[in-house]
Protein backbone atom coordinates (compact mmCIF):
# COMPACT_ATOMS: atom_id res chain seq x y z
CA MET A 1 60.63 97.45 65.60
CA LYS A 2 64.07 96.69 64.93
CA MET A 3 65.18 100.23 63.85
CA ASN A 4 63.59 101.56 67.27
CA LYS A 5 65.81 98.99 69.43
CA HIS A 6 68.90 100.18 67.25
CA LEU A 7 68.26 103.97 67.85
CA ALA A 8 67.83 103.10 71.92
CA LEU A 9 71.54 101.28 71.84
CA ALA A 10 72.53 104.17 69.92
CA VAL A 11 71.30 106.78 72.04
CA ILE A 12 72.65 104.45 75.04
CA VAL A 13 76.07 104.09 73.38
CA ALA A 14 76.34 108.09 73.23
CA GLY A 15 75.38 108.51 76.64
CA VAL A 16 77.90 106.07 78.06
CA ILE A 17 80.46 107.77 75.91
CA VAL A 18 79.63 111.22 77.07
CA ALA A 19 79.30 110.38 80.80
CA ALA A 20 83.13 108.58 80.17
CA PHE A 21 84.60 112.02 79.24
CA ILE A 22 82.76 113.86 81.86
CA PHE A 23 83.14 111.72 84.79
CA LEU A 24 86.20 109.50 83.94
CA PRO A 25 89.46 111.81 85.02
CA SER A 26 91.40 113.49 82.59
CA GLY A 27 94.98 112.28 81.73
CA LYS A 28 96.11 115.96 82.60
CA ALA A 29 94.30 115.88 86.19
CA ILE A 30 96.60 116.13 89.34
CA PRO A 31 96.63 112.98 91.23
CA THR A 32 95.33 113.14 95.43
CA LEU A 33 98.47 112.87 97.39
CA LYS A 34 98.79 114.09 101.01
CA CYS A 35 102.38 113.85 102.02
CA LYS A 36 104.73 115.29 105.12
CA ALA A 37 108.20 115.65 105.83
CA PHE A 38 110.67 117.31 108.52
CA ALA A 39 113.31 119.16 106.84
CA ASN A 40 116.30 121.23 108.74
CA VAL A 41 117.57 123.75 106.00
CA LYS A 42 120.64 125.77 106.79
CA MET A 43 121.13 129.11 104.43
CA ASP A 44 124.12 131.79 104.46
CA VAL A 45 122.56 134.56 103.80
CA GLU A 46 123.70 138.45 103.80
CA ASN A 47 123.14 138.94 107.25
CA GLY A 48 124.52 135.57 108.51
CA GLN A 49 123.27 132.22 108.71
CA LEU A 50 119.01 131.01 108.71
CA VAL A 51 118.46 127.87 110.14
CA PHE A 52 114.63 126.28 108.54
CA SER A 53 113.55 123.24 111.21
CA ILE A 54 110.20 122.77 109.69
CA ILE A 55 107.54 120.16 109.09
CA GLU A 56 106.52 120.72 105.42
CA SER A 57 102.87 119.08 104.33
CA LEU A 58 101.55 119.02 100.86
CA GLN A 59 98.50 118.03 99.31
CA PHE A 60 96.98 117.72 96.05
CA TYR A 61 93.13 117.79 96.17
CA ASP A 62 89.94 118.42 93.67
CA LYS A 63 92.33 117.29 90.49
CA ASP A 64 93.99 121.01 90.14
CA LYS A 65 94.06 122.43 93.62
CA GLY A 66 96.98 122.09 96.23
CA ILE A 67 98.45 123.26 99.26
CA ILE A 68 101.86 123.67 101.16
CA GLN A 69 102.05 124.25 104.99
CA TYR A 70 105.13 125.13 106.44
CA GLU A 71 105.82 124.99 110.02
CA GLY A 72 108.56 125.30 112.29
CA TYR A 73 110.93 127.49 113.86
CA VAL A 74 113.55 129.80 111.99
CA LYS A 75 116.71 130.33 114.07
CA SER A 76 118.59 133.58 112.70
CA ASP A 77 121.39 136.05 113.91
CA LYS A 78 118.58 138.20 115.50
CA GLY A 79 117.27 135.32 117.51
CA ASN A 80 114.49 132.27 117.10
CA THR A 81 110.86 132.56 115.41
CA TYR A 82 108.27 130.76 114.60
CA LEU A 83 106.57 130.01 111.06
CA GLU A 84 103.63 128.87 110.21
CA ARG A 85 102.20 129.65 106.49
CA THR A 86 100.17 128.17 104.06
CA VAL A 87 100.60 128.65 100.31
CA TYR A 88 97.14 128.18 98.14
CA LEU A 89 97.64 126.58 94.78
CA SER A 90 95.27 126.47 91.95
CA HIS A 91 94.74 125.79 88.33
CA GLY A 92 96.98 122.70 88.45
CA VAL A 93 98.03 120.68 85.32
CA LYS A 94 100.21 117.84 84.81
CA VAL A 95 103.35 118.71 82.76
CA ASP A 96 104.87 115.18 81.96
CA ASN A 97 104.73 112.47 84.38
CA LYS A 98 106.82 113.73 87.46
CA THR A 99 105.83 117.40 87.13
CA PHE A 100 102.78 119.74 88.06
CA HIS A 101 102.29 123.09 87.27
CA PHE A 102 100.33 125.63 89.61
CA ASP A 103 99.10 129.20 90.08
CA ILE A 104 100.13 130.52 93.78
CA ASP A 105 96.80 131.96 94.97
CA LYS A 106 98.38 133.23 97.89
CA VAL A 107 100.81 132.87 100.84
CA THR A 108 99.36 133.31 104.12
CA PRO A 109 100.89 133.41 107.73
CA SER A 110 99.24 132.15 110.78
CA PRO A 111 98.29 134.78 113.60
CA LEU A 112 101.15 132.67 115.51
CA ASP A 113 104.00 133.23 112.57
CA THR A 114 106.57 135.74 114.06
CA THR A 115 109.11 134.75 111.62
CA PRO A 116 109.65 137.90 108.95
CA ASP A 117 108.71 138.00 105.48
CA ALA A 118 112.08 138.55 104.47
CA ASP A 119 113.51 135.25 106.02
CA PHE A 120 110.66 133.11 104.77
CA ASP A 121 111.57 135.01 101.01
CA GLN A 122 115.20 133.39 101.54
CA MET A 123 113.41 129.73 101.87
CA TRP A 124 111.01 130.58 99.04
CA LEU A 125 113.08 131.64 96.37
CA GLU A 126 114.53 127.90 96.79
CA THR A 127 111.04 126.73 95.51
CA THR A 128 110.07 129.49 92.74
CA GLY A 129 111.32 132.62 91.47
CA ASP A 130 108.48 134.25 91.59
CA ASN A 131 104.96 134.65 93.74
CA ALA A 132 102.80 133.65 90.71
CA SER A 133 103.66 130.17 89.66
CA LEU A 134 105.01 126.95 90.86
CA ASN A 135 106.32 123.79 89.13
CA ILE A 136 106.36 120.64 92.02
CA GLY A 137 108.14 117.60 90.91
CA VAL A 138 106.92 114.47 92.22
CA LYS A 139 108.88 111.09 91.97
CA SER A 140 108.02 108.06 93.56
CA ILE A 141 111.24 106.36 95.16
CA ARG A 142 109.47 103.94 97.15
CA ASP A 143 105.66 102.93 98.46
CA GLN A 144 104.33 105.79 99.51
CA THR A 145 107.50 107.83 99.93
CA TYR A 146 108.31 110.77 97.34
CA VAL A 147 111.09 113.06 96.61
CA ILE A 148 108.96 116.24 96.11
CA SER A 149 111.23 119.22 94.03
CA SER A 150 111.32 122.48 92.74
CA THR A 151 112.37 123.55 89.64
CA TYR A 152 115.81 124.36 91.26
CA SER A 153 116.67 121.86 93.21
CA PRO A 154 114.99 118.67 95.35
CA GLN A 155 113.25 120.13 98.33
CA PHE A 156 112.23 117.29 100.77
CA VAL A 157 111.61 113.42 100.64
CA CYS A 158 108.09 112.86 102.08
CA VAL A 159 105.90 110.25 103.19
CA ALA A 160 102.34 109.79 102.06
CA TYR A 161 99.51 109.11 104.28
């Protein structure tokens, strides 16, 4: 009888340990985050100046996915255009305490987007050197306020919601 109790207890403990590994978040999981910021970015390029007046939204979700949304206006020597693009991220991993690495699945313009790809690409080059992967730095500077940065430079300060 005692042997059955010990065996049952061992099975329960083993089950709890297995469940903990399956259901508790890994240290490498991406934390859930939603934040938004306004940015006014001026860039001198070969054909003149580009001015991006945009809202940038960043979301991390489902432990390894993310979205970056850009919405606003771009002013150039050719005129003003509307920018609305979504960058879909996947396979996110935590590199260190403040850095996350994602694969870029796709960059999708909305049907309303009138900004030439070349103009968007000028801004995108400040974020990543290619369209395959992206490192995002997230540094907390105050409750619910973060500095979001790329490998190359700080991108924006956002407030979580």
